[in-house]
N, C-alpha and C. Protein backbone atom coordinates (compact mmCIF):
# COMPACT_ATOMS: atom_id res chain seq x y z
N GLN A 1 25.78 132.32 -0.06
CA GLN A 1 26.93 132.97 -0.11
C GLN A 1 27.28 132.79 1.56
N VAL A 2 28.47 132.82 1.81
CA VAL A 2 28.85 132.86 3.14
C VAL A 2 29.93 133.94 3.47
N GLN A 3 29.72 134.81 4.67
CA GLN A 3 30.86 135.60 4.78
C GLN A 3 31.17 135.40 6.09
N LEU A 4 32.98 135.62 6.10
CA LEU A 4 33.36 135.10 7.28
C LEU A 4 34.18 136.26 8.10
N VAL A 5 34.09 136.81 9.05
CA VAL A 5 34.79 138.02 9.40
C VAL A 5 35.75 137.47 10.66
N GLU A 6 37.07 137.58 10.40
CA GLU A 6 37.78 137.40 11.79
C GLU A 6 37.63 138.78 12.78
N SER A 7 38.25 138.24 13.96
CA SER A 7 38.77 139.28 14.68
C SER A 7 39.55 139.00 16.05
N GLY A 8 40.22 139.75 16.66
CA GLY A 8 40.97 139.16 17.77
C GLY A 8 42.47 139.36 17.62
N GLY A 9 42.75 139.73 16.40
CA GLY A 9 44.34 139.58 16.57
C GLY A 9 44.90 140.79 17.19
N GLY A 10 46.37 140.84 17.11
CA GLY A 10 46.98 142.10 17.59
C GLY A 10 48.36 141.76 17.78
N LEU A 11 49.16 142.66 18.39
CA LEU A 11 50.48 142.40 19.08
C LEU A 11 50.67 141.59 20.64
N VAL A 12 51.37 140.68 20.57
CA VAL A 12 51.45 140.23 21.79
C VAL A 12 52.85 139.80 22.08
N GLN A 13 53.39 139.80 23.41
CA GLN A 13 54.84 139.39 23.69
C GLN A 13 54.99 137.64 23.45
N ALA A 14 56.15 137.26 23.61
CA ALA A 14 56.14 135.30 23.22
C ALA A 14 56.01 135.16 24.35
N GLY A 15 55.09 134.16 24.71
CA GLY A 15 54.77 133.71 25.89
C GLY A 15 53.19 133.91 26.07
N GLY A 16 52.56 134.86 25.22
CA GLY A 16 51.28 135.32 25.95
C GLY A 16 50.24 134.82 24.89
N SER A 17 48.97 135.28 25.08
CA SER A 17 47.59 134.51 24.57
C SER A 17 47.09 135.39 23.72
N LEU A 18 46.24 135.02 22.72
CA LEU A 18 45.24 135.64 22.11
C LEU A 18 44.03 134.62 21.88
N ARG A 19 42.69 135.13 21.64
CA ARG A 19 41.71 134.16 21.09
C ARG A 19 41.24 135.15 19.77
N LEU A 20 41.08 134.37 18.72
CA LEU A 20 40.54 135.01 17.55
C LEU A 20 39.33 134.34 17.47
N SER A 21 38.22 135.22 16.71
CA SER A 21 37.06 134.83 16.42
C SER A 21 36.99 134.80 14.90
N CYS A 22 35.72 134.21 14.48
CA CYS A 22 35.34 134.22 13.02
C CYS A 22 33.85 134.03 13.34
N ALA A 23 33.17 135.25 12.97
CA ALA A 23 31.71 134.98 12.86
C ALA A 23 31.16 134.77 11.51
N ALA A 24 30.36 133.95 11.17
CA ALA A 24 29.98 133.51 10.03
C ALA A 24 28.63 133.77 9.63
N SER A 25 28.34 134.15 8.64
CA SER A 25 26.74 134.53 8.07
C SER A 25 26.24 133.05 7.47
N GLY A 26 24.83 133.00 7.48
CA GLY A 26 24.30 131.92 6.82
C GLY A 26 23.67 131.06 7.57
N ARG A 27 22.62 130.16 7.34
CA ARG A 27 21.56 129.80 8.33
C ARG A 27 22.01 128.40 8.75
N THR A 28 23.10 127.78 7.85
CA THR A 28 23.54 126.30 8.10
C THR A 28 24.88 126.57 8.54
N PHE A 29 25.50 127.20 9.70
CA PHE A 29 26.56 126.91 9.80
C PHE A 29 26.97 126.01 10.74
N SER A 30 25.99 125.25 11.06
CA SER A 30 26.16 123.93 11.80
C SER A 30 26.80 122.80 10.85
N MET A 31 26.51 123.19 9.82
CA MET A 31 26.90 122.18 8.42
C MET A 31 28.08 122.58 7.65
N TYR A 32 28.83 123.49 8.33
CA TYR A 32 30.08 123.93 7.66
C TYR A 32 31.18 123.47 8.41
N GLY A 33 32.31 122.50 8.18
CA GLY A 33 33.32 122.00 8.68
C GLY A 33 34.17 123.53 8.47
N MET A 34 34.76 124.04 9.79
CA MET A 34 35.42 125.15 9.92
C MET A 34 36.92 124.98 10.03
N GLY A 35 38.06 125.75 9.52
CA GLY A 35 39.61 125.70 9.87
C GLY A 35 40.06 127.00 9.82
N TRP A 36 40.92 127.13 10.39
CA TRP A 36 41.92 128.42 10.75
C TRP A 36 43.41 127.91 9.96
N PHE A 37 43.86 128.83 9.16
CA PHE A 37 45.02 128.72 8.41
C PHE A 37 45.90 130.19 8.60
N ARG A 38 46.80 130.12 8.17
CA ARG A 38 47.85 131.52 8.62
C ARG A 38 48.90 131.35 7.39
N GLN A 39 49.27 132.46 7.09
CA GLN A 39 50.25 132.79 6.06
C GLN A 39 51.36 133.96 6.63
N ALA A 40 52.52 133.58 6.48
CA ALA A 40 53.66 134.52 6.63
C ALA A 40 54.13 135.13 5.69
N PRO A 41 54.89 136.39 5.75
CA PRO A 41 55.15 136.85 4.60
C PRO A 41 56.40 136.27 4.09
N GLY A 42 55.85 136.11 2.54
CA GLY A 42 56.79 135.18 1.58
C GLY A 42 56.54 133.96 2.01
N LYS A 43 55.71 133.22 2.85
CA LYS A 43 55.30 131.90 2.44
C LYS A 43 54.13 131.63 2.13
N GLU A 44 54.03 130.32 1.59
CA GLU A 44 52.38 129.86 1.24
C GLU A 44 51.56 129.78 2.79
N ARG A 45 50.17 129.88 2.33
CA ARG A 45 49.29 129.48 3.44
C ARG A 45 49.21 128.10 3.85
N GLU A 46 49.32 128.12 5.19
CA GLU A 46 49.49 126.79 5.82
C GLU A 46 48.38 126.52 6.81
N PHE A 47 47.88 125.31 6.81
CA PHE A 47 47.07 124.87 7.95
C PHE A 47 47.14 125.21 9.19
N VAL A 48 46.39 125.17 10.28
CA VAL A 48 46.48 125.50 11.50
C VAL A 48 46.00 124.39 12.60
N ALA A 49 44.57 124.47 12.05
CA ALA A 49 43.68 123.64 12.49
C ALA A 49 42.31 123.56 12.30
N ALA A 50 41.49 122.51 12.35
CA ALA A 50 39.90 122.25 11.86
C ALA A 50 39.16 121.71 12.79
N ILE A 51 37.99 121.94 12.95
CA ILE A 51 36.85 121.48 13.49
C ILE A 51 35.87 121.03 12.71
N SER A 52 35.09 119.93 13.54
CA SER A 52 33.94 119.34 12.43
C SER A 52 32.57 119.86 12.78
N TRP A 53 31.42 119.69 12.22
CA TRP A 53 30.35 120.19 12.30
C TRP A 53 29.88 120.44 13.70
N SER A 54 29.93 119.29 14.41
CA SER A 54 29.33 119.18 15.70
C SER A 54 30.42 119.64 17.04
N GLY A 55 31.72 120.05 16.12
CA GLY A 55 32.89 120.25 17.32
C GLY A 55 33.34 118.92 18.09
N SER A 56 32.67 117.88 17.63
CA SER A 56 33.39 116.91 18.41
C SER A 56 35.00 116.02 18.26
N SER A 57 34.96 116.67 16.71
CA SER A 57 36.20 116.31 16.29
C SER A 57 37.37 117.28 15.98
N THR A 58 38.46 117.41 16.49
CA THR A 58 39.27 118.49 16.14
C THR A 58 40.80 117.85 15.52
N TYR A 59 41.26 118.72 14.53
CA TYR A 59 42.57 118.57 13.99
C TYR A 59 43.53 119.47 13.96
N TYR A 60 44.97 119.37 14.48
CA TYR A 60 46.07 120.31 14.49
C TYR A 60 47.17 120.35 13.89
N THR A 61 47.67 121.16 13.32
CA THR A 61 49.29 120.87 12.74
C THR A 61 50.27 120.74 14.13
N ASP A 62 51.32 119.80 13.98
CA ASP A 62 52.15 119.55 14.76
C ASP A 62 52.53 120.82 15.91
N SER A 63 52.78 121.83 14.88
CA SER A 63 53.69 122.88 15.37
C SER A 63 52.70 123.80 16.52
N VAL A 64 51.59 123.60 16.40
CA VAL A 64 50.47 124.26 17.33
C VAL A 64 49.81 123.35 18.56
N LYS A 65 49.99 121.98 18.30
CA LYS A 65 49.27 120.98 19.51
C LYS A 65 50.16 121.44 20.77
N GLY A 66 48.90 121.36 21.53
CA GLY A 66 49.20 121.82 23.15
C GLY A 66 49.17 123.23 23.16
N ARG A 67 49.34 123.77 22.29
CA ARG A 67 49.15 125.36 22.62
C ARG A 67 48.14 125.99 22.17
N PHE A 68 47.01 125.55 20.80
CA PHE A 68 46.18 126.15 20.21
C PHE A 68 45.06 125.19 20.31
N THR A 69 43.74 125.84 20.73
CA THR A 69 42.71 124.86 20.99
C THR A 69 41.37 125.90 19.90
N ILE A 70 41.04 124.92 18.79
CA ILE A 70 39.91 125.57 18.00
C ILE A 70 38.54 124.95 18.85
N SER A 71 37.34 125.88 18.73
CA SER A 71 36.26 125.31 19.10
C SER A 71 35.37 125.99 18.25
N ARG A 72 34.14 126.02 18.63
CA ARG A 72 32.88 126.46 17.92
C ARG A 72 31.30 126.91 18.89
N ASP A 73 30.86 127.87 18.32
CA ASP A 73 29.77 127.80 19.24
C ASP A 73 28.48 128.01 18.10
N ASN A 74 27.89 127.07 17.56
CA ASN A 74 26.88 127.03 16.39
C ASN A 74 25.56 127.94 16.86
N ALA A 75 25.38 128.21 18.01
CA ALA A 75 24.17 129.22 18.28
C ALA A 75 24.47 130.38 18.12
N LYS A 76 25.90 130.87 17.97
CA LYS A 76 26.21 132.19 17.82
C LYS A 76 27.20 132.12 16.37
N ASN A 77 27.22 131.23 15.45
CA ASN A 77 27.70 131.00 14.25
C ASN A 77 29.30 131.42 14.14
N THR A 78 29.87 131.02 15.29
CA THR A 78 30.97 131.48 15.39
C THR A 78 32.26 130.38 15.67
N VAL A 79 33.30 130.28 15.20
CA VAL A 79 34.25 129.73 15.48
C VAL A 79 35.53 130.34 16.14
N TYR A 80 36.13 129.77 17.18
CA TYR A 80 37.53 130.53 17.96
C TYR A 80 38.97 129.42 17.74
N LEU A 81 39.76 130.29 18.02
CA LEU A 81 41.25 129.84 17.91
C LEU A 81 41.69 130.15 19.31
N GLN A 82 41.70 129.90 20.47
CA GLN A 82 42.61 130.26 21.56
C GLN A 82 43.91 129.80 21.61
N MET A 83 44.87 130.79 21.57
CA MET A 83 46.13 130.51 20.96
C MET A 83 46.85 131.06 22.39
N ASN A 84 47.76 130.04 22.68
CA ASN A 84 48.41 130.38 24.33
C ASN A 84 50.01 130.00 23.91
N SER A 85 50.93 130.44 24.61
CA SER A 85 52.08 130.15 24.82
C SER A 85 52.69 130.42 23.19
N LEU A 86 52.27 131.59 22.97
CA LEU A 86 52.85 132.11 21.42
C LEU A 86 54.21 132.49 21.48
N LYS A 87 54.69 131.93 20.16
CA LYS A 87 56.29 132.04 19.93
C LYS A 87 56.27 133.02 18.42
N PRO A 88 57.28 133.85 18.39
CA PRO A 88 57.38 134.68 17.17
C PRO A 88 57.26 133.95 15.90
N GLU A 89 57.67 132.38 15.84
CA GLU A 89 57.04 132.01 14.70
C GLU A 89 55.66 131.78 14.49
N ASP A 90 54.73 132.04 15.41
CA ASP A 90 53.36 132.33 15.02
C ASP A 90 52.84 133.49 14.27
N THR A 91 53.83 134.34 14.39
CA THR A 91 53.36 135.53 13.39
C THR A 91 53.06 135.65 12.15
N ALA A 92 51.74 135.72 11.57
CA ALA A 92 50.93 135.67 10.47
C ALA A 92 49.87 136.19 10.37
N VAL A 93 49.47 136.33 9.10
CA VAL A 93 47.94 136.66 9.04
C VAL A 93 47.23 135.34 9.32
N TYR A 94 46.20 135.58 10.08
CA TYR A 94 45.05 134.16 10.41
C TYR A 94 43.70 134.26 9.63
N TYR A 95 43.61 133.46 8.99
CA TYR A 95 42.35 133.10 8.13
C TYR A 95 41.38 132.11 8.58
N CYS A 96 40.07 132.53 8.71
CA CYS A 96 39.28 131.47 8.87
C CYS A 96 38.80 130.73 7.56
N ALA A 97 38.31 129.93 7.60
CA ALA A 97 37.59 129.07 6.14
C ALA A 97 36.39 128.31 6.53
N ALA A 98 35.81 128.27 5.63
CA ALA A 98 34.31 127.17 5.71
C ALA A 98 34.46 126.11 4.48
N ALA A 99 34.22 124.82 5.03
CA ALA A 99 33.93 123.95 4.45
C ALA A 99 32.54 123.34 4.26
N VAL A 100 31.85 124.13 3.01
CA VAL A 100 30.25 123.97 3.15
C VAL A 100 30.03 122.58 2.92
N TYR A 101 28.93 122.06 4.01
CA TYR A 101 28.40 120.84 3.69
C TYR A 101 29.57 119.44 3.80
N ARG A 102 30.79 119.88 4.52
CA ARG A 102 31.65 118.80 4.33
C ARG A 102 31.57 117.99 5.81
N ALA A 103 31.23 116.88 6.00
CA ALA A 103 31.47 116.26 6.98
C ALA A 103 32.55 115.59 7.75
N THR A 104 33.76 115.54 6.77
CA THR A 104 34.97 115.19 7.64
C THR A 104 35.84 116.29 7.57
N ILE A 105 36.83 116.28 8.53
CA ILE A 105 37.79 117.35 8.84
C ILE A 105 38.63 117.36 7.69
N THR A 106 39.22 118.49 7.42
CA THR A 106 40.24 118.56 6.19
C THR A 106 41.38 119.59 6.55
N SER A 107 42.54 119.49 6.20
CA SER A 107 43.85 120.25 6.12
C SER A 107 43.60 120.98 4.68
N ARG A 108 43.26 120.57 3.79
CA ARG A 108 43.77 121.18 2.65
C ARG A 108 43.12 122.18 2.20
N VAL A 109 43.77 123.33 1.82
CA VAL A 109 43.22 124.68 1.27
C VAL A 109 42.29 124.58 0.38
N ASP A 110 42.37 123.32 -0.65
CA ASP A 110 41.45 123.36 -1.85
C ASP A 110 40.03 122.92 -1.47
N ASP A 111 39.94 122.31 -0.15
CA ASP A 111 38.52 121.87 0.16
C ASP A 111 37.57 122.98 1.06
N TYR A 112 38.32 124.33 0.73
CA TYR A 112 37.52 125.01 1.57
C TYR A 112 36.73 126.32 0.71
N ASN A 113 35.63 126.39 0.92
CA ASN A 113 34.92 127.18 0.01
C ASN A 113 35.03 128.71 0.10
N TYR A 114 34.90 129.25 1.34
CA TYR A 114 34.77 130.35 1.97
C TYR A 114 36.01 130.88 3.01
N TRP A 115 36.33 132.06 2.68
CA TRP A 115 37.48 132.59 3.61
C TRP A 115 37.19 133.85 3.99
N GLY A 116 37.69 134.14 5.27
CA GLY A 116 37.80 135.56 5.68
C GLY A 116 38.81 136.43 5.31
N GLN A 117 38.72 137.81 5.57
CA GLN A 117 39.67 138.48 5.25
C GLN A 117 41.08 138.72 5.91
N GLY A 118 40.97 137.93 6.78
CA GLY A 118 42.44 137.63 7.79
C GLY A 118 42.49 138.68 8.76
N THR A 119 43.18 138.41 9.90
CA THR A 119 43.67 139.08 10.77
C THR A 119 45.05 138.75 11.42
N GLN A 120 45.65 139.85 11.51
CA GLN A 120 47.05 139.98 11.57
C GLN A 120 47.33 139.50 13.11
N VAL A 121 48.37 138.67 13.28
CA VAL A 121 48.82 137.95 14.72
C VAL A 121 50.48 138.63 14.66
N THR A 122 50.74 139.29 15.46
CA THR A 122 52.44 139.29 15.58
C THR A 122 52.62 139.19 17.01
N VAL A 123 53.82 138.54 17.03
CA VAL A 123 54.57 137.77 18.38
C VAL A 123 55.64 138.42 18.27
N SER A 124 55.94 139.23 19.36
CA SER A 124 57.40 139.76 19.36
C SER A 124 58.29 139.10 20.44
N SER A 125 59.48 138.95 20.20
CA SER A 125 60.51 138.16 21.19
C SER A 125 61.01 138.89 22.42
């Protein structure tokens, strides 16, 4: 069983920054592909970013490219999402997810086995 706990959400003005963290349990974190997703009210959950086991490969949805950066620290069992130049349309609940023993990056919700409880990010205009 893998447990994921997100933190770092909050209220920020447009143009500001936040860094989300996701702490994972389990002794094989370095073999989890990790991803961040978000869900705004009334909308489906959407992919934001993903990172490979080693952190050498990353992938982003077009709307956050150049503004968000995903990274991981396998020694700390933690994945991060640095969010800069935030926009009101980034407002959502952000979830981290683990794709256990998956070597390739994926943006598909169904490829992720475990999910955190989510953290709210609100960007005011």
